[in-house]
C-alpha atoms as a PDB file:
ATOM      1  CA  MET A   1     -64.662 -81.558 -45.723  1.00  0.00           C
ATOM      2  CA  GLN A   2     -64.498 -82.650 -42.141  1.00  0.00           C
ATOM      3  CA  SER A   3     -61.192 -84.513 -41.889  1.00  0.00           C
ATOM      4  CA  ILE A   4     -58.694 -83.327 -44.490  1.00  0.00           C
ATOM      5  CA  THR A   5     -57.490 -79.718 -44.530  1.00  0.00           C
ATOM      6  CA  ILE A   6     -56.980 -77.440 -47.503  1.00  0.00           C
ATOM      7  CA  SER A   7     -53.294 -77.115 -46.591  1.00  0.00           C
ATOM      8  CA  THR A   8     -52.911 -80.911 -46.678  1.00  0.00           C
ATOM      9  CA  ILE A   9     -54.543 -81.035 -50.111  1.00  0.00           C
ATOM     10  CA  GLN A  10     -52.320 -78.192 -51.341  1.00  0.00           C
ATOM     11  CA  ASN A  11     -49.274 -80.070 -50.055  1.00  0.00           C
ATOM     12  CA  ILE A  12     -50.358 -83.198 -51.943  1.00  0.00           C
ATOM     13  CA  ILE A  13     -50.959 -81.147 -55.103  1.00  0.00           C
ATOM     14  CA  GLU A  14     -47.432 -79.723 -54.874  1.00  0.00           C
ATOM     15  CA  LYS A  15     -45.896 -83.154 -54.296  1.00  0.00           C
ATOM     16  CA  SER A  16     -47.940 -84.617 -57.158  1.00  0.00           C
ATOM     17  CA  GLN A  17     -46.687 -81.905 -59.516  1.00  0.00           C
ATOM     18  CA  LEU A  18     -43.121 -82.794 -58.573  1.00  0.00           C
ATOM     19  CA  ALA A  19     -43.729 -86.526 -58.932  1.00  0.00           C
ATOM     20  CA  TYR A  20     -45.596 -86.240 -62.236  1.00  0.00           C
ATOM     21  CA  PRO A  21     -44.493 -83.012 -63.945  1.00  0.00           C
ATOM     22  CA  ASN A  22     -46.592 -81.926 -66.900  1.00  0.00           C
ATOM     23  CA  THR A  23     -44.073 -81.941 -69.717  1.00  0.00           C
ATOM     24  CA  GLY A  24     -46.587 -81.397 -72.485  1.00  0.00           C
ATOM     25  CA  ASP A  25     -45.414 -84.621 -74.121  1.00  0.00           C
ATOM     26  CA  SER A  26     -47.886 -87.189 -75.328  1.00  0.00           C
ATOM     27  CA  ALA A  27     -48.695 -89.935 -72.838  1.00  0.00           C
ATOM     28  CA  VAL A  28     -48.562 -92.464 -75.674  1.00  0.00           C
ATOM     29  CA  ILE A  29     -45.349 -94.486 -75.644  1.00  0.00           C
ATOM     30  CA  LYS A  30     -44.184 -96.673 -78.491  1.00  0.00           C
ATOM     31  CA  GLY A  31     -43.330-100.232 -77.493  1.00  0.00           C
ATOM     32  CA  SER A  32     -39.817 -99.742 -78.812  1.00  0.00           C
ATOM     33  CA  GLU A  33     -39.353 -96.804 -76.407  1.00  0.00           C
ATOM     34  CA  ILE A  34     -40.208 -98.756 -73.263  1.00  0.00           C
ATOM     35  CA  ASN A  35     -37.353 -99.351 -70.859  1.00  0.00           C
ATOM     36  CA  ILE A  36     -38.337-102.166 -68.500  1.00  0.00           C
ATOM     37  CA  ASP A  37     -36.130-100.730 -65.744  1.00  0.00           C
ATOM     38  CA  ASP A  38     -38.091 -97.453 -65.841  1.00  0.00           C
ATOM     39  CA  ILE A  39     -41.385 -99.281 -65.345  1.00  0.00           C
ATOM     40  CA  PHE A  40     -40.293-100.685 -61.992  1.00  0.00           C
ATOM     41  CA  THR A  41     -38.362 -97.641 -60.804  1.00  0.00           C
ATOM     42  CA  THR A  42     -39.999 -95.151 -58.473  1.00  0.00           C
ATOM     43  CA  SER A  43     -38.555 -91.661 -58.326  1.00  0.00           C
ATOM     44  CA  SER A  44     -37.812 -90.020 -54.997  1.00  0.00           C
ATOM     45  CA  GLU A  45     -40.609 -87.541 -55.723  1.00  0.00           C
ATOM     46  CA  GLU A  46     -43.085 -90.380 -56.266  1.00  0.00           C
ATOM     47  CA  ARG A  47     -41.970 -92.000 -53.000  1.00  0.00           C
ATOM     48  CA  VAL A  48     -42.502 -88.745 -51.105  1.00  0.00           C
ATOM     49  CA  LEU A  49     -45.998 -88.427 -52.606  1.00  0.00           C
ATOM     50  CA  GLU A  50     -46.824 -92.038 -51.739  1.00  0.00           C
ATOM     51  CA  GLU A  51     -45.555 -91.615 -48.168  1.00  0.00           C
ATOM     52  CA  THR A  52     -47.488 -88.368 -47.692  1.00  0.00           C
ATOM     53  CA  ILE A  53     -50.750 -89.921 -48.848  1.00  0.00           C
ATOM     54  CA  ALA A  54     -50.136 -93.163 -46.925  1.00  0.00           C
ATOM     55  CA  ALA A  55     -49.775 -91.146 -43.701  1.00  0.00           C
ATOM     56  CA  LEU A  56     -53.369 -89.880 -43.974  1.00  0.00           C
ATOM     57  CA  SER A  57     -56.141 -91.345 -41.852  1.00  0.00           C
ATOM     58  CA  LYS A  58     -58.852 -93.487 -43.425  1.00  0.00           C
ATOM     59  CA  GLU A  59     -61.267 -90.537 -43.281  1.00  0.00           C
ATOM     60  CA  GLU A  60     -58.743 -88.147 -44.863  1.00  0.00           C
ATOM     61  CA  LEU A  61     -58.051 -90.675 -47.629  1.00  0.00           C
ATOM     62  CA  ALA A  62     -61.776 -91.021 -48.288  1.00  0.00           C
ATOM     63  CA  GLU A  63     -62.191 -87.264 -48.600  1.00  0.00           C
ATOM     64  CA  LEU A  64     -59.095 -87.016 -50.795  1.00  0.00           C
ATOM     65  CA  ALA A  65     -60.467 -89.746 -53.063  1.00  0.00           C
ATOM     66  CA  ALA A  66     -63.834 -87.986 -53.220  1.00  0.00           C
ATOM     67  CA  ILE A  67     -62.154 -84.718 -54.248  1.00  0.00           C
ATOM     68  CA  MET A  68     -60.078 -86.606 -56.822  1.00  0.00           C
ATOM     69  CA  TRP A  69     -63.167 -88.336 -58.285  1.00  0.00           C
ATOM     70  CA  LEU A  70     -65.102 -85.068 -58.281  1.00  0.00           C
ATOM     71  CA  GLY A  71     -62.237 -83.353 -60.098  1.00  0.00           C
ATOM     72  CA  ARG A  72     -61.828 -86.170 -62.604  1.00  0.00           C
ATOM     73  CA  GLY A  73     -65.400 -85.551 -63.653  1.00  0.00           C
ATOM     74  CA  ALA A  74     -65.879 -88.896 -65.344  1.00  0.00           C
ATOM     75  CA  GLY A  75     -69.253 -89.502 -63.702  1.00  0.00           C
ATOM     76  CA  GLY A  76     -70.583 -85.967 -63.990  1.00  0.00           C
ATOM     77  CA  GLU A  77     -70.538 -85.526 -60.212  1.00  0.00           C
ATOM     78  CA  THR A  78     -71.175 -82.152 -58.632  1.00  0.00           C
ATOM     79  CA  ALA A  79     -70.429 -80.678 -55.228  1.00  0.00           C
ATOM     80  CA  ALA A  80     -73.790 -82.038 -54.069  1.00  0.00           C
ATOM     81  CA  ASP A  81     -72.403 -85.559 -54.591  1.00  0.00           C
ATOM     82  CA  PHE A  82     -69.403 -85.038 -52.307  1.00  0.00           C
ATOM     83  CA  ASP A  83     -70.783 -86.795 -49.210  1.00  0.00           C
ATOM     84  CA  GLY A  84     -71.869 -89.761 -51.325  1.00  0.00           C
ATOM     85  CA  LEU A  85     -68.419 -89.953 -52.888  1.00  0.00           C
ATOM     86  CA  VAL A  86     -66.827 -89.947 -49.430  1.00  0.00           C
ATOM     87  CA  ASN A  87     -69.131 -92.792 -48.383  1.00  0.00           C
ATOM     88  CA  ASP A  88     -68.243 -94.682 -51.591  1.00  0.00           C
ATOM     89  CA  ALA A  89     -64.553 -94.227 -50.793  1.00  0.00           C
ATOM     90  CA  LEU A  90     -65.028 -95.467 -47.241  1.00  0.00           C
ATOM     91  CA  GLY A  91     -66.835 -98.503 -48.615  1.00  0.00           C
ATOM     92  CA  GLN A  92     -64.006 -99.243 -51.040  1.00  0.00           C
ATOM     93  CA  TYR A  93     -61.216 -98.601 -48.526  1.00  0.00           C
ATOM     94  CA  LYS A  94     -58.430-101.140 -48.223  1.00  0.00           C
ATOM     95  CA  ASP A  95     -54.740-100.987 -47.366  1.00  0.00           C
ATOM     96  CA  SER A  96     -53.781-100.248 -50.980  1.00  0.00           C
ATOM     97  CA  PHE A  97     -56.092 -97.216 -51.258  1.00  0.00           C
ATOM     98  CA  ALA A  98     -53.245 -94.732 -50.755  1.00  0.00           C
ATOM     99  CA  ASP A  99     -51.302 -96.428 -53.568  1.00  0.00           C
ATOM    100  CA  TYR A 100     -54.366 -96.196 -55.815  1.00  0.00           C
ATOM    101  CA  ILE A 101     -54.607 -92.438 -55.236  1.00  0.00           C
ATOM    102  CA  SER A 102     -50.880 -91.693 -55.459  1.00  0.00           C
ATOM    103  CA  SER A 103     -50.564 -93.600 -58.735  1.00  0.00           C
ATOM    104  CA  LYS A 104     -52.798 -91.158 -60.620  1.00  0.00           C
ATOM    105  CA  THR A 105     -50.442 -89.103 -62.775  1.00  0.00           C
ATOM    106  CA  PRO A 106     -53.018 -86.292 -63.253  1.00  0.00           C
ATOM    107  CA  LEU A 107     -53.683 -86.241 -59.478  1.00  0.00           C
ATOM    108  CA  ALA A 108     -52.788 -82.551 -59.111  1.00  0.00           C
ATOM    109  CA  ASP A 109     -55.265 -81.571 -61.843  1.00  0.00           C
ATOM    110  CA  TYR A 110     -57.971 -83.826 -60.397  1.00  0.00           C
ATOM    111  CA  LEU A 111     -57.553 -82.302 -56.938  1.00  0.00           C
ATOM    112  CA  LYS A 112     -57.504 -78.721 -58.242  1.00  0.00           C
ATOM    113  CA  ASN A 113     -60.647 -79.329 -60.302  1.00  0.00           C
ATOM    114  CA  GLY A 114     -62.332 -81.032 -57.360  1.00  0.00           C
ATOM    115  CA  LEU A 115     -61.595 -78.100 -55.081  1.00  0.00           C
ATOM    116  CA  ILE A 116     -62.976 -75.691 -57.672  1.00  0.00           C
ATOM    117  CA  LYS A 117     -66.191 -77.732 -57.885  1.00  0.00           C
ATOM    118  CA  LEU A 118     -66.421 -77.517 -54.096  1.00  0.00           C
ATOM    119  CA  GLY A 119     -66.164 -73.726 -54.305  1.00  0.00           C
ATOM    120  CA  TRP A 120     -62.552 -73.325 -53.252  1.00  0.00           C
ATOM    121  CA  ASN A 121     -60.637 -71.174 -55.740  1.00  0.00           C
ATOM    122  CA  GLY A 122     -57.300 -70.636 -54.093  1.00  0.00           C
END
């Protein structure tokens, strides 16, 4: 990682845990339980997370996205793929990229797992 610091990532993990607390409840919601007002309401914790991520530079966002993708593990990526993931993120960058990252409810887990894959264990 050349742009984003471990302390910045830790800060984002903490803010993500506040914005999207793991309650242990199922993520499946019955249609009858949906409150339309809740769908369009952003908590203060979510706003703080969004603002924190939006304040990052393009390069920091790309590295954060790469760590997130690495931690998600959907593509079987390893630490050796990190630079390629950063380049992919830079290629996909647009103004809404921070929103894309901050909207991931398991963001804290993704980032923790990504850091572990990169050899950082706390």
